[in-house]
Amino acid sequence: MPPMSFVGQVTKVGFMNKTATVTVSRFIFHPKTGKRLERSKKFLTHDEENILRPDDTVLIRNCPPISARKRFKLERVIKSPVREREELHARQAAEA
């Protein structure tokens, strides 16, 4: 399989150890109407350090099968709203 990488959003995390569900969305155009349609697919992703949180934007890359349904590894976290909020609260607490 050629190397594939997708940017997606973490939708489910914490139910399985070292695993997160990442939803990857793409847009297609309907052949007759020309309207833009959103298509999405969920991938189980290996998260070795359990660092992912819901609503994180991540880059995932395919790898050899880790389990029956897990075929992607976490490459990097692009954006994490929860972690950014926690860092902001920590900075404000340190200043006060």
C-alpha atoms as a PDB file:
ATOM      1  CA  MET A   1       0.000   0.000   0.000  1.00  0.00           C
ATOM      2  CA  PRO A   2       1.436   3.415  -0.882  1.00  0.00           C
ATOM      3  CA  PRO A   3       1.985   5.862   1.955  1.00  0.00           C
ATOM      4  CA  MET A   4      -1.204   7.771   2.705  1.00  0.00           C
ATOM      5  CA  SER A   5      -1.708  10.575   5.155  1.00  0.00           C
ATOM      6  CA  PHE A   6      -4.955  12.237   6.153  1.00  0.00           C
ATOM      7  CA  VAL A   7      -5.903  15.240   8.240  1.00  0.00           C
ATOM      8  CA  GLY A   8      -8.883  14.535  10.444  1.00  0.00           C
ATOM      9  CA  GLN A   9     -10.631  15.284  13.693  1.00  0.00           C
ATOM     10  CA  VAL A  10     -10.610  13.052  16.763  1.00  0.00           C
ATOM     11  CA  THR A  11     -14.191  12.005  17.504  1.00  0.00           C
ATOM     12  CA  LYS A  12     -13.792   9.257  20.080  1.00  0.00           C
ATOM     13  CA  VAL A  13     -10.988   8.637  22.554  1.00  0.00           C
ATOM     14  CA  GLY A  14     -10.520   6.904  25.899  1.00  0.00           C
ATOM     15  CA  PHE A  15     -12.673   3.829  25.321  1.00  0.00           C
ATOM     16  CA  MET A  16      -9.817   1.664  24.067  1.00  0.00           C
ATOM     17  CA  ASN A  17      -6.248   1.850  25.343  1.00  0.00           C
ATOM     18  CA  LYS A  18      -3.809   3.510  22.880  1.00  0.00           C
ATOM     19  CA  THR A  19      -6.581   3.920  20.285  1.00  0.00           C
ATOM     20  CA  ALA A  20      -8.542   6.902  19.005  1.00  0.00           C
ATOM     21  CA  THR A  21     -11.196   7.224  16.326  1.00  0.00           C
ATOM     22  CA  VAL A  22     -10.367   9.880  13.730  1.00  0.00           C
ATOM     23  CA  THR A  23     -12.978  11.133  11.257  1.00  0.00           C
ATOM     24  CA  VAL A  24     -11.589  12.244   7.894  1.00  0.00           C
ATOM     25  CA  SER A  25     -13.903  14.369   5.744  1.00  0.00           C
ATOM     26  CA  ARG A  26     -13.654  15.209   2.069  1.00  0.00           C
ATOM     27  CA  PHE A  27     -15.890  17.021  -0.402  1.00  0.00           C
ATOM     28  CA  ILE A  28     -17.156  15.692  -3.720  1.00  0.00           C
ATOM     29  CA  PHE A  29     -19.320  17.271  -6.377  1.00  0.00           C
ATOM     30  CA  HIS A  30     -22.522  15.552  -7.445  1.00  0.00           C
ATOM     31  CA  PRO A  31     -22.232  14.609 -11.125  1.00  0.00           C
ATOM     32  CA  LYS A  32     -25.678  15.899 -12.167  1.00  0.00           C
ATOM     33  CA  THR A  33     -26.503  18.758  -9.816  1.00  0.00           C
ATOM     34  CA  GLY A  34     -22.965  20.001  -9.208  1.00  0.00           C
ATOM     35  CA  LYS A  35     -23.691  20.465  -5.517  1.00  0.00           C
ATOM     36  CA  ARG A  36     -20.907  19.949  -3.022  1.00  0.00           C
ATOM     37  CA  LEU A  37     -21.377  16.919  -0.749  1.00  0.00           C
ATOM     38  CA  GLU A  38     -19.382  16.008   2.336  1.00  0.00           C
ATOM     39  CA  ARG A  39     -18.201  12.417   2.656  1.00  0.00           C
ATOM     40  CA  SER A  40     -16.523  11.163   5.798  1.00  0.00           C
ATOM     41  CA  LYS A  41     -14.827   7.989   6.958  1.00  0.00           C
ATOM     42  CA  LYS A  42     -13.707   6.886  10.407  1.00  0.00           C
ATOM     43  CA  PHE A  43     -10.291   5.346  11.014  1.00  0.00           C
ATOM     44  CA  LEU A  44      -8.995   3.674  14.163  1.00  0.00           C
ATOM     45  CA  THR A  45      -5.636   5.254  14.928  1.00  0.00           C
ATOM     46  CA  HIS A  46      -2.782   4.063  17.142  1.00  0.00           C
ATOM     47  CA  ASP A  47      -1.961   6.654  19.816  1.00  0.00           C
ATOM     48  CA  GLU A  48       1.054   5.287  21.707  1.00  0.00           C
ATOM     49  CA  GLU A  49       1.135   7.888  24.520  1.00  0.00           C
ATOM     50  CA  ASN A  50      -2.664   8.378  24.856  1.00  0.00           C
ATOM     51  CA  ILE A  51      -2.242  12.123  24.238  1.00  0.00           C
ATOM     52  CA  LEU A  52      -5.261  12.690  22.001  1.00  0.00           C
ATOM     53  CA  ARG A  53      -8.364  14.487  23.215  1.00  0.00           C
ATOM     54  CA  PRO A  54     -11.763  14.933  21.522  1.00  0.00           C
ATOM     55  CA  ASP A  55     -11.864  17.647  18.819  1.00  0.00           C
ATOM     56  CA  ASP A  56      -8.082  17.551  18.202  1.00  0.00           C
ATOM     57  CA  THR A  57      -7.046  18.059  14.586  1.00  0.00           C
ATOM     58  CA  VAL A  58      -4.424  15.428  13.713  1.00  0.00           C
ATOM     59  CA  LEU A  59      -2.324  14.077  10.875  1.00  0.00           C
ATOM     60  CA  ILE A  60      -2.469  10.276  10.568  1.00  0.00           C
ATOM     61  CA  ARG A  61      -0.369   8.011   8.341  1.00  0.00           C
ATOM     62  CA  ASN A  62      -0.959   4.420   7.265  1.00  0.00           C
ATOM     63  CA  CYS A  63       1.232   1.650   8.655  1.00  0.00           C
ATOM     64  CA  PRO A  64       1.302  -2.157   8.767  1.00  0.00           C
ATOM     65  CA  PRO A  65      -1.724  -3.588  10.613  1.00  0.00           C
ATOM     66  CA  ILE A  66      -1.528  -3.144  14.377  1.00  0.00           C
ATOM     67  CA  SER A  67      -4.798  -4.968  15.084  1.00  0.00           C
ATOM     68  CA  ALA A  68      -7.795  -6.256  13.138  1.00  0.00           C
ATOM     69  CA  ARG A  69      -9.123  -2.759  12.318  1.00  0.00           C
ATOM     70  CA  LYS A  70      -6.231  -0.446  13.232  1.00  0.00           C
ATOM     71  CA  ARG A  71      -4.106   0.509  10.222  1.00  0.00           C
ATOM     72  CA  PHE A  72      -3.064   4.108  10.976  1.00  0.00           C
ATOM     73  CA  LYS A  73      -0.602   5.747  13.367  1.00  0.00           C
ATOM     74  CA  LEU A  74      -0.673   9.241  14.798  1.00  0.00           C
ATOM     75  CA  GLU A  75       1.878  11.366  12.956  1.00  0.00           C
ATOM     76  CA  ARG A  76       1.356  14.658  14.828  1.00  0.00           C
ATOM     77  CA  VAL A  77      -1.248  16.813  16.532  1.00  0.00           C
ATOM     78  CA  ILE A  78      -1.959  19.897  14.436  1.00  0.00           C
ATOM     79  CA  LYS A  79      -4.377  21.682  16.773  1.00  0.00           C
ATOM     80  CA  SER A  80      -5.731  20.834  20.215  1.00  0.00           C
ATOM     81  CA  PRO A  81      -8.388  23.200  21.624  1.00  0.00           C
ATOM     82  CA  VAL A  82      -8.541  21.434  25.010  1.00  0.00           C
ATOM     83  CA  ARG A  83      -4.780  21.505  25.505  1.00  0.00           C
ATOM     84  CA  GLU A  84      -4.575  25.168  24.424  1.00  0.00           C
ATOM     85  CA  ARG A  85      -7.294  26.078  26.946  1.00  0.00           C
ATOM     86  CA  GLU A  86      -5.492  24.198  29.747  1.00  0.00           C
ATOM     87  CA  GLU A  87      -2.197  25.950  28.939  1.00  0.00           C
ATOM     88  CA  LEU A  88      -3.958  29.327  28.984  1.00  0.00           C
ATOM     89  CA  HIS A  89      -5.503  28.604  32.398  1.00  0.00           C
ATOM     90  CA  ALA A  90      -2.118  27.470  33.732  1.00  0.00           C
ATOM     91  CA  ARG A  91      -0.447  30.700  32.508  1.00  0.00           C
ATOM     92  CA  GLN A  92      -3.195  32.848  34.034  1.00  0.00           C
ATOM     93  CA  ALA A  93      -2.900  30.975  37.357  1.00  0.00           C
ATOM     94  CA  ALA A  94       0.877  31.453  37.362  1.00  0.00           C
ATOM     95  CA  GLU A  95       0.525  35.208  36.748  1.00  0.00           C
ATOM     96  CA  ALA A  96      -2.051  35.671  39.524  1.00  0.00           C
END
